[in-house]
Structures are given as C-alpha cells and as structure tokens.
N, C-alpha and C. Protein backbone atom coordinates (compact mmCIF):
# COMPACT_ATOMS: atom_id res chain seq x y z
N MET A 1 23.04 101.70 15.10
CA MET A 1 22.06 100.99 14.52
C MET A 1 22.57 100.26 13.25
N ILE A 2 23.30 101.13 12.42
CA ILE A 2 24.03 100.65 11.36
C ILE A 2 24.93 99.22 11.62
N VAL A 3 25.50 99.45 12.53
CA VAL A 3 26.59 98.59 13.04
C VAL A 3 25.47 97.18 13.42
N PHE A 4 24.25 97.44 13.93
CA PHE A 4 23.28 96.56 14.24
C PHE A 4 22.71 95.50 13.01
N LEU A 5 22.43 96.54 12.13
CA LEU A 5 22.19 96.26 10.78
C LEU A 5 23.47 95.18 10.14
N ILE A 6 24.24 95.76 10.10
CA ILE A 6 25.18 94.91 9.37
C ILE A 6 25.59 93.80 10.03
N LEU A 7 25.65 93.51 11.51
CA LEU A 7 25.67 92.57 12.09
C LEU A 7 24.35 91.43 12.12
N LEU A 8 23.14 92.09 11.85
CA LEU A 8 22.08 91.07 11.38
C LEU A 8 22.20 90.71 10.06
N ALA A 9 22.82 91.26 9.07
CA ALA A 9 22.81 90.82 7.96
C ALA A 9 23.92 89.75 7.33
N PHE A 10 25.05 90.23 8.37
CA PHE A 10 26.08 89.13 8.36
C PHE A 10 25.57 87.67 9.06
N LEU A 11 24.87 87.79 10.18
CA LEU A 11 24.56 86.79 10.47
C LEU A 11 23.50 85.88 9.76
N GLY A 12 22.49 86.85 8.82
CA GLY A 12 21.71 85.97 7.94
C GLY A 12 22.76 85.72 7.07
N ILE A 13 23.79 86.09 6.42
CA ILE A 13 24.48 85.28 5.50
C ILE A 13 25.14 84.07 5.99
N LEU A 14 25.49 84.19 7.54
CA LEU A 14 26.07 83.07 8.11
C LEU A 14 25.08 82.00 7.88
N ALA A 15 23.86 82.41 8.25
CA ALA A 15 22.97 81.37 8.46
C ALA A 15 22.16 80.72 6.88
N VAL A 16 22.53 81.30 6.08
CA VAL A 16 22.19 80.89 4.64
C VAL A 16 23.05 80.00 4.19
N ALA A 17 24.51 80.50 4.51
CA ALA A 17 25.93 79.62 4.28
C ALA A 17 26.19 78.34 4.87
N ALA A 18 25.54 78.26 6.04
CA ALA A 18 25.03 76.97 6.93
C ALA A 18 24.29 76.08 6.72
N ALA A 19 23.11 76.90 6.15
CA ALA A 19 21.91 76.12 5.53
C ALA A 19 22.28 75.57 4.20
N VAL A 20 23.34 76.17 3.34
CA VAL A 20 23.35 75.63 2.23
C VAL A 20 24.72 74.29 2.28
N SER A 21 25.60 74.85 2.98
CA SER A 21 26.36 73.78 3.46
C SER A 21 25.61 72.43 4.15
N MET A 22 25.06 72.54 5.07
CA MET A 22 24.03 71.51 5.77
C MET A 22 23.21 70.79 4.23
N SER A 23 22.81 71.58 3.51
CA SER A 23 21.81 70.90 2.36
C SER A 23 22.89 69.87 1.50
N ALA A 24 24.20 70.33 1.43
CA ALA A 24 25.29 69.98 0.27
C ALA A 24 25.56 68.36 1.22
N ARG A 25 25.44 68.47 2.68
CA ARG A 25 26.01 67.42 3.29
C ARG A 25 24.91 66.43 3.20
N ALA A 26 23.61 66.98 3.67
CA ALA A 26 22.43 65.88 3.10
C ALA A 26 22.60 65.39 1.80
N ASP A 27 22.86 66.22 0.80
CA ASP A 27 22.77 65.46 -0.53
C ASP A 27 24.00 64.73 -0.60
N ALA A 28 25.11 64.75 -0.01
CA ALA A 28 26.22 63.92 -0.26
C ALA A 28 25.74 62.44 0.58
N LEU A 29 25.33 62.62 1.71
CA LEU A 29 24.84 61.14 2.43
C LEU A 29 23.73 60.72 1.74
N GLN A 30 22.90 61.35 1.37
CA GLN A 30 21.85 60.97 0.28
C GLN A 30 22.36 59.75 -0.80
N ALA A 31 23.18 60.56 -1.53
CA ALA A 31 24.07 59.94 -2.72
C ALA A 31 24.67 58.64 -1.84
N GLN A 32 25.65 58.68 -1.10
CA GLN A 32 26.27 57.72 -0.57
C GLN A 32 25.38 56.63 -0.18
N ALA A 33 24.10 56.74 0.36
CA ALA A 33 22.85 55.63 0.72
C ALA A 33 22.43 55.08 -0.55
N ALA A 34 22.14 55.95 -1.53
CA ALA A 34 22.30 55.39 -3.18
C ALA A 34 23.22 54.65 -3.56
N ILE A 35 24.36 54.59 -3.32
CA ILE A 35 25.19 53.90 -3.76
C ILE A 35 25.29 52.63 -2.91
N GLU A 36 25.12 52.75 -1.76
CA GLU A 36 24.83 51.45 -1.04
C GLU A 36 23.81 50.53 -1.42
N ALA A 37 22.49 51.54 -1.24
CA ALA A 37 21.44 50.30 -1.87
C ALA A 37 21.48 49.79 -3.17
N ALA A 38 22.44 50.75 -4.00
CA ALA A 38 22.66 50.06 -5.30
C ALA A 38 23.33 48.46 -5.05
N ARG A 39 24.61 48.71 -4.44
CA ARG A 39 25.19 47.56 -4.49
C ARG A 39 24.50 46.38 -3.83
N ALA A 40 23.69 46.54 -2.77
CA ALA A 40 22.59 45.67 -2.15
C ALA A 40 22.10 45.10 -3.18
N ALA A 41 21.16 45.49 -4.00
CA ALA A 41 20.63 45.22 -5.14
C ALA A 41 21.17 44.50 -6.09
N GLN A 42 22.34 44.84 -6.08
CA GLN A 42 23.31 43.93 -7.33
C GLN A 42 23.80 42.70 -6.63
N ILE A 43 23.89 42.76 -5.31
CA ILE A 43 24.42 41.36 -4.67
C ILE A 43 23.12 40.64 -4.39
N ALA A 44 22.11 41.31 -4.40
CA ALA A 44 20.73 40.43 -4.54
C ALA A 44 20.54 39.82 -5.59
N ALA A 45 20.53 40.66 -6.65
CA ALA A 45 20.11 39.99 -8.04
C ALA A 45 21.62 38.84 -8.52
N ALA A 46 22.56 39.08 -7.97
CA ALA A 46 23.50 37.94 -8.13
C ALA A 46 23.05 36.53 -7.32
N GLY A 47 22.64 36.59 -6.02
CA GLY A 47 22.16 35.77 -5.32
C GLY A 47 20.79 35.16 -5.84
N GLN A 48 20.01 35.62 -6.41
CA GLN A 48 18.76 35.52 -7.09
C GLN A 48 18.79 34.75 -8.58
N ALA A 49 20.20 35.01 -9.07
CA ALA A 49 20.46 34.45 -10.39
C ALA A 49 20.93 32.96 -10.01
N VAL A 50 21.93 33.00 -9.17
CA VAL A 50 22.70 31.70 -8.40
C VAL A 50 21.55 30.93 -8.05
N ASN A 51 20.58 31.20 -7.55
CA ASN A 51 19.35 30.45 -6.92
C ASN A 51 18.51 29.87 -7.78
N SER A 52 18.10 30.97 -8.90
CA SER A 52 17.48 30.18 -10.08
C SER A 52 18.55 29.40 -10.70
N ALA A 53 19.78 29.54 -10.93
CA ALA A 53 20.31 28.28 -11.88
C ALA A 53 20.35 27.28 -11.22
N LEU A 54 20.65 26.98 -9.70
CA LEU A 54 20.36 25.90 -8.79
C LEU A 54 19.16 25.46 -8.86
N LEU A 55 17.94 25.81 -8.58
CA LEU A 55 16.65 25.31 -8.56
C LEU A 55 16.52 24.86 -10.50
N THR A 56 17.03 25.29 -11.23
CA THR A 56 16.85 24.76 -12.39
C THR A 56 17.51 23.61 -12.65
N ALA A 57 18.95 23.47 -12.07
CA ALA A 57 19.62 22.18 -12.29
C ALA A 57 19.25 20.94 -11.34
N LEU A 58 18.28 21.56 -10.32
CA LEU A 58 17.65 20.36 -9.33
C LEU A 58 16.56 19.99 -10.25
N VAL A 59 15.95 20.94 -10.87
CA VAL A 59 14.54 20.19 -11.77
C VAL A 59 15.00 19.34 -12.76
N ALA A 60 15.96 20.18 -13.09
CA ALA A 60 16.61 18.79 -14.54
C ALA A 60 16.98 17.66 -13.87
N ALA A 61 17.81 17.57 -13.07
CA ALA A 61 18.40 16.20 -12.23
C ALA A 61 17.06 15.45 -11.65
N THR A 62 16.24 15.91 -11.19
CA THR A 62 15.26 15.33 -10.85
C THR A 62 14.29 14.99 -12.03
N GLY A 63 14.19 15.15 -13.11
CA GLY A 63 13.40 14.87 -14.40
C GLY A 63 14.17 13.73 -14.74
N LEU A 64 15.44 14.09 -14.88
CA LEU A 64 16.35 12.76 -15.33
C LEU A 64 16.32 11.59 -14.49
N ALA A 65 16.24 11.69 -13.39
CA ALA A 65 15.99 10.33 -12.53
C ALA A 65 14.93 9.95 -12.27
N LEU A 66 14.00 10.62 -12.64
CA LEU A 66 12.46 9.86 -12.86
C LEU A 66 12.69 9.51 -14.21
N LEU A 67 13.00 9.86 -15.39
CA LEU A 67 13.17 9.26 -16.53
C LEU A 67 13.78 7.99 -16.43
N ALA A 68 15.26 8.00 -15.95
CA ALA A 68 15.98 6.70 -15.72
C ALA A 68 14.92 5.68 -14.63
N VAL A 69 14.29 6.15 -13.68
CA VAL A 69 13.09 5.37 -12.84
C VAL A 69 12.56 4.62 -13.75
N LEU A 70 11.84 5.45 -14.79
CA LEU A 70 10.66 5.14 -15.67
C LEU A 70 11.43 3.87 -16.84
N ILE A 71 12.37 4.24 -17.43
CA ILE A 71 13.28 3.53 -18.28
C ILE A 71 13.49 1.65 -17.64
N VAL A 72 14.12 1.86 -16.44
CA VAL A 72 14.27 0.85 -15.57
C VAL A 72 13.00 0.01 -15.62
N LEU A 73 12.05 0.62 -14.90
CA LEU A 73 10.66 0.11 -14.76
C LEU A 73 9.90 -0.63 -15.88
N ALA A 74 10.09 0.08 -17.04
CA ALA A 74 9.68 -0.29 -18.54
C ALA A 74 10.60 -1.55 -18.71
N TYR A 75 11.71 -1.59 -18.66
CA TYR A 75 12.76 -2.57 -18.71
C TYR A 75 12.22 -3.89 -18.15
N LEU A 76 12.38 -3.96 -16.71
CA LEU A 76 12.05 -4.85 -15.77
C LEU A 76 10.46 -5.30 -16.58
N VAL A 77 9.44 -4.41 -16.65
CA VAL A 77 8.11 -5.18 -17.13
C VAL A 77 8.44 -5.94 -18.37
N TYR A 78 9.26 -5.55 -19.59
CA TYR A 78 9.46 -6.08 -20.66
C TYR A 78 9.91 -7.45 -20.76
N THR A 79 10.90 -7.50 -19.88
CA THR A 79 11.70 -8.54 -19.68
C THR A 79 10.77 -9.66 -18.61
N ARG A 80 9.94 -9.23 -17.84
CA ARG A 80 8.95 -10.31 -17.38
C ARG A 80 8.32 -10.52 -18.18
N GLN A 81 7.60 -9.69 -19.10
CA GLN A 81 6.48 -10.56 -19.98
C GLN A 81 7.06 -11.47 -21.26
N LYS A 82 8.36 -10.86 -21.37
CA LYS A 82 9.03 -11.73 -22.00
C LYS A 82 9.42 -12.77 -21.59
N GLN A 83 9.59 -13.06 -20.46
CA GLN A 83 9.86 -14.64 -19.69
C GLN A 83 8.75 -15.24 -19.37
N GLN A 84 7.26 -14.82 -19.54
CA GLN A 84 6.21 -15.41 -19.04
C GLN A 84 5.97 -16.60 -20.10
N LYS A 85 5.81 -17.87 -19.62
CA LYS A 85 5.36 -18.99 -20.42
C LYS A 85 3.86 -18.89 -20.50
N ALA A 86 3.47 -19.08 -21.64
CA ALA A 86 2.10 -19.42 -21.53
C ALA A 86 1.60 -21.01 -21.31
N GLY A 87 0.15 -21.06 -20.84
CA GLY A 87 -0.07 -22.05 -20.43
C GLY A 87 -1.26 -22.14 -19.08
N LYS A 88 -1.52 -23.62 -18.68
CA LYS A 88 -2.82 -23.39 -17.87
C LYS A 88 -2.62 -23.63 -16.24
N TRP A 89 -2.71 -22.71 -15.67
CA TRP A 89 -2.71 -22.68 -14.11
C TRP A 89 -2.46 -23.97 -13.63
N LEU A 90 -1.64 -24.19 -12.28
CA LEU A 90 -1.98 -25.49 -11.76
C LEU A 90 -3.31 -25.27 -10.85
N PRO A 91 -4.26 -26.32 -10.67
CA PRO A 91 -5.41 -26.36 -10.10
C PRO A 91 -4.80 -26.50 -8.49
N GLY A 92 -6.01 -25.89 -7.56
CA GLY A 92 -5.97 -26.22 -5.92
C GLY A 92 -5.68 -24.93 -5.70
N PRO A 93 -6.02 -24.85 -4.46
CA PRO A 93 -5.67 -23.63 -3.61
C PRO A 93 -4.33 -23.41 -3.16
N ASN A 94 -3.31 -24.36 -3.14
CA ASN A 94 -1.69 -24.31 -2.74
C ASN A 94 -0.93 -24.52 -3.98
N ALA A 95 -1.39 -24.23 -5.01
CA ALA A 95 -0.90 -24.36 -6.49
C ALA A 95 0.17 -23.26 -6.34
N ARG A 96 0.18 -21.83 -5.54
CA ARG A 96 0.99 -20.85 -5.65
C ARG A 96 1.66 -20.45 -6.67
N TRP A 97 0.50 -20.04 -7.84
CA TRP A 97 0.73 -19.65 -9.03
C TRP A 97 1.73 -20.22 -10.06
N GLY A 98 1.57 -21.63 -9.83
CA GLY A 98 2.63 -22.55 -10.44
C GLY A 98 1.89 -22.65 -11.84
N ARG A 99 2.32 -23.14 -12.90
CA ARG A 99 1.79 -23.65 -14.10
C ARG A 99 1.99 -25.13 -14.49
N VAL A 100 1.17 -25.42 -15.18
CA VAL A 100 1.23 -27.11 -15.45
C VAL A 100 2.73 -27.50 -15.67
N GLU A 101 3.09 -26.52 -16.55
CA GLU A 101 4.71 -27.13 -17.28
C GLU A 101 5.50 -27.06 -15.98
N ASP A 102 5.46 -26.29 -15.12
CA ASP A 102 6.28 -26.10 -14.23
C ASP A 102 6.20 -26.94 -12.96
N ALA A 103 5.06 -27.80 -12.75
CA ALA A 103 4.83 -28.88 -11.99
C ALA A 103 5.64 -29.87 -11.72
N PRO A 104 6.00 -30.42 -10.44
CA PRO A 104 7.15 -31.44 -10.18
C PRO A 104 6.67 -32.77 -10.84
N ARG A 105 7.73 -33.41 -11.46
CA ARG A 105 7.24 -34.55 -11.99
C ARG A 105 7.45 -35.78 -11.21
N PRO A 106 6.77 -36.80 -10.77
CA PRO A 106 7.31 -37.49 -10.01
C PRO A 106 8.43 -38.30 -10.37
N VAL A 107 9.39 -38.71 -9.49
CA VAL A 107 10.90 -39.26 -9.80
C VAL A 107 10.61 -40.55 -9.93
N ALA A 108 11.26 -41.26 -10.95
CA ALA A 108 11.41 -42.50 -11.01
C ALA A 108 12.23 -43.32 -10.48
N LEU A 109 11.92 -44.17 -9.21
CA LEU A 109 13.33 -44.78 -8.77
C LEU A 109 14.29 -45.48 -9.55
N PRO A 110 15.13 -45.83 -9.15
CA PRO A 110 16.31 -46.27 -10.00
C PRO A 110 16.07 -47.66 -9.80
N GLN A 111 16.45 -48.61 -10.94
CA GLN A 111 16.14 -49.90 -10.69
C GLN A 111 17.22 -50.78 -9.91
N GLY A 112 16.79 -51.57 -9.23
CA GLY A 112 17.80 -52.25 -8.10
C GLY A 112 18.09 -53.58 -8.55
N ASP A 113 19.10 -54.35 -7.84
CA ASP A 113 18.81 -55.52 -7.85
C ASP A 113 17.54 -56.31 -7.55
N PRO A 114 17.13 -56.98 -8.49
CA PRO A 114 16.13 -57.96 -8.50
C PRO A 114 16.14 -58.77 -7.15
N LEU A 115 16.90 -59.25 -6.83
CA LEU A 115 17.16 -59.93 -5.54
C LEU A 115 16.48 -59.32 -4.31
N GLN A 116 17.08 -58.09 -4.48
CA GLN A 116 16.72 -57.04 -3.29
C GLN A 116 15.21 -56.66 -3.39
N GLN A 117 14.71 -56.34 -4.63
CA GLN A 117 13.51 -56.01 -4.89
C GLN A 117 12.54 -57.02 -4.39
N LEU A 118 13.08 -58.39 -4.63
CA LEU A 118 12.16 -59.61 -4.29
C LEU A 118 12.20 -59.62 -2.38
N VAL A 119 13.19 -59.16 -2.15
CA VAL A 119 12.98 -59.19 -0.51
C VAL A 119 12.38 -57.96 0.12
N GLN A 120 12.15 -57.02 -0.79
CA GLN A 120 11.64 -55.93 -0.36
C GLN A 120 9.95 -56.15 -0.64
N LEU A 121 9.78 -56.96 -1.70
CA LEU A 121 8.35 -57.45 -1.93
C LEU A 121 7.96 -58.18 -0.65
N GLU A 122 8.97 -59.39 -0.48
CA GLU A 122 7.96 -59.98 0.75
C GLU A 122 7.97 -59.39 1.96
N LEU A 123 8.87 -58.47 1.91
CA LEU A 123 8.79 -57.61 3.44
C LEU A 123 7.50 -56.91 3.52
N LEU A 124 6.96 -56.03 2.34
CA LEU A 124 6.02 -55.32 2.43
C LEU A 124 4.67 -56.29 2.77
N ARG A 125 4.86 -57.69 1.96
CA ARG A 125 3.78 -58.74 2.20
C ARG A 125 3.46 -58.80 3.51
N TYR A 126 4.55 -59.09 4.13
CA TYR A 126 4.40 -59.40 5.65
C TYR A 126 3.84 -58.38 6.44
N LEU A 127 4.29 -57.03 6.27
CA LEU A 127 4.08 -56.34 6.94
C LEU A 127 2.34 -55.87 6.76
N ARG A 128 1.94 -56.02 5.42
CA ARG A 128 0.75 -55.93 5.21
C ARG A 128 -0.54 -57.19 5.95
N GLN A 129 0.39 -58.15 5.76
CA GLN A 129 -0.33 -59.33 6.48
C GLN A 129 -0.33 -59.47 8.12
N MET A 130 0.79 -58.47 8.57
CA MET A 130 0.65 -58.24 10.01
C MET A 130 -0.43 -57.22 10.58
N ASN A 131 -0.85 -56.29 9.64
CA ASN A 131 -1.65 -55.30 9.77
C ASN A 131 -3.03 -55.57 9.46
N ALA A 132 -3.42 -56.52 8.50
CA ALA A 132 -4.28 -57.21 8.72
C ALA A 132 -5.14 -57.85 9.50
N SER A 133 -4.22 -58.96 9.70
CA SER A 133 -4.61 -59.35 11.22
C SER A 133 -3.69 -59.44 12.32
N PRO A 134 -4.24 -58.62 13.15
CA PRO A 134 -3.39 -58.36 14.34
C PRO A 134 -3.09 -59.88 15.02
N VAL A 135 -2.26 -59.84 15.48
CA VAL A 135 -1.54 -61.22 16.18
C VAL A 135 -1.62 -60.98 17.74
N GLN A 136 -2.07 -61.65 18.32
CA GLN A 136 -2.01 -61.91 20.10
C GLN A 136 -0.53 -62.50 20.48
N PRO A 137 0.03 -61.43 21.20
CA PRO A 137 1.25 -61.95 21.56
C PRO A 137 1.14 -63.35 22.35
N SER A 138 1.88 -64.53 22.31
CA SER A 138 1.63 -65.45 23.18
C SER A 138 3.01 -66.11 23.38
N LEU A 139 3.06 -66.84 24.40
CA LEU A 139 4.52 -67.47 24.41
C LEU A 139 4.50 -69.16 23.88
N PRO A 140 5.26 -69.43 23.33
CA PRO A 140 5.55 -71.13 23.01
C PRO A 140 5.27 -71.60 24.27
N GLN A 141 4.62 -73.08 23.84
CA GLN A 141 4.68 -73.84 24.66
C GLN A 141 5.65 -74.24 25.76
N ARG A 142 6.83 -74.64 24.75
CA ARG A 142 8.09 -75.14 25.72
C ARG A 142 8.81 -73.95 26.51
N GLU A 143 8.35 -72.75 26.26
CA GLU A 143 8.99 -71.72 27.08
C GLU A 143 7.95 -71.43 28.59
N ALA A 144 6.96 -71.75 28.14
CA ALA A 144 6.02 -71.76 29.24
C ALA A 144 6.27 -72.75 30.60
N ALA A 145 6.80 -73.75 30.33
CA ALA A 145 7.23 -74.57 31.24
C ALA A 145 8.36 -74.09 32.18
N TYR A 146 9.07 -73.11 31.32
CA TYR A 146 10.12 -72.77 32.28
C TYR A 146 10.02 -71.37 32.77
N LEU A 147 8.81 -71.02 32.68
CA LEU A 147 8.53 -69.95 33.46
C LEU A 147 8.34 -70.00 35.19
N PRO A 148 8.65 -69.50 36.04
CA PRO A 148 8.42 -69.32 37.52
C PRO A 148 6.90 -69.39 37.78
N ARG A 149 6.61 -70.04 38.56
CA ARG A 149 5.31 -70.07 39.44
C ARG A 149 5.29 -69.20 39.98
N PRO A 150 4.09 -68.35 39.99
CA PRO A 150 4.06 -67.17 41.32
C PRO A 150 3.81 -68.38 42.52
N GLU A 151 4.31 -67.85 43.53
CA GLU A 151 4.26 -68.60 44.94
C GLU A 151 2.64 -67.75 45.46
N GLU A 152 2.55 -68.85 46.20
CA GLU A 152 1.13 -68.46 46.92
C GLU A 152 1.28 -67.84 48.37
N ASP A 153 0.94 -66.57 48.65
CA ASP A 153 1.31 -66.24 49.86
C ASP A 153 0.10 -66.00 50.55
N ASP A 154 0.12 -66.48 51.89
CA ASP A 154 -1.21 -66.41 52.48
C ASP A 154 -1.71 -64.80 53.28
N ASP A 155 -0.22 -64.43 53.65
CA ASP A 155 -0.21 -62.78 54.26
C ASP A 155 0.15 -62.11 53.34
N ASP A 156 -1.00 -61.03 53.36
CA ASP A 156 -0.85 -60.20 52.43
C ASP A 156 -0.77 -58.68 53.07
N GLU A 157 0.47 -58.85 53.79
CA GLU A 157 0.93 -57.65 54.15
C GLU A 157 2.05 -56.78 53.18
N PRO A 158 2.04 -55.45 53.23
CA PRO A 158 2.61 -54.74 52.69
C PRO A 158 4.12 -54.78 53.14
N LEU A 159 5.00 -54.96 52.17
CA LEU A 159 6.38 -55.10 52.16
C LEU A 159 6.96 -53.71 53.02
N TRP A 160 6.79 -52.95 52.56
CA TRP A 160 7.14 -51.39 53.43
C TRP A 160 6.73 -51.12 54.31
C-alpha cells in the first residue's frame, strides 16, 4: 500500500508539474499574441497617420485651387467692368445689347468721276420713268410689214 501511496503521490506531483508547464506555455503564447497585437496596432497607427496627412494635403490643395479660381473670377469681373463703356443702349428688339457709340455708321460713298455720276443719274431717272408708266411692248410699223402673215387653212386636222 505504501507503494500505492508513493505511486499516487508521484502521479500527483507529475500532474502538478504538467499543469505548471502547460500554464507557462499558455502564458508564453499569450505574450506572443500580445506582441503581435502591438505590432498590428503600430502598423494601423502608421497607416492612420499617413491617411491623415494625405487628407490634410488634399483639403489644402482643394482650398488653394478654390482660392485661385476665385481670384481669376474676380480678375475677370474687374477687367470686364473696367472695359464697359457708359452710354445709352441701342433701341429696338434686334439691338443685341449694343450701345449707341458702337452702332455702325453709314459708310460714305467715295466720290467718283462726275461724268460717271451723271450717267448713273440718267440711268436711275430712266428706270424710275419706266416703273412709273409701264410701257406696252409693241413692234414698230416698219417691222410689222416684214412679218409673215398667218396662212388661213380651212382644214383643221391635227398634225400628228
């Protein structure tokens, strides 16, 4: 029985030793997991820092671009107001936002040869006279004698 008790004590000590070694292994694995989690957290923190820096740069670039667009628009509005002339608008529906100063002026005809002007004046007078009294076209008498007289045919048969 003593042997049995010794054997039982030995098995108890062996069980306690196995439990202690297993506990140490579990502690080692837990420490290893904590180290891996710390590494993952460090990588995530570095990624968040890069993400934050890029977003800050993007917001700054967008703000600068918007400021540049506003400056260009202000410059365009300023130059347009500077170029606008003061004055009256052209009347009528087809004025196309024109101003009186911008209206086309009638072009003066160049002075030509006085003889040519006289010929044109006579031509215009003759055309006005023709339009005022329409002339019935008639043949002069001397040409009427030379015209052939229509023959009088008694048969009215069709030619075809």
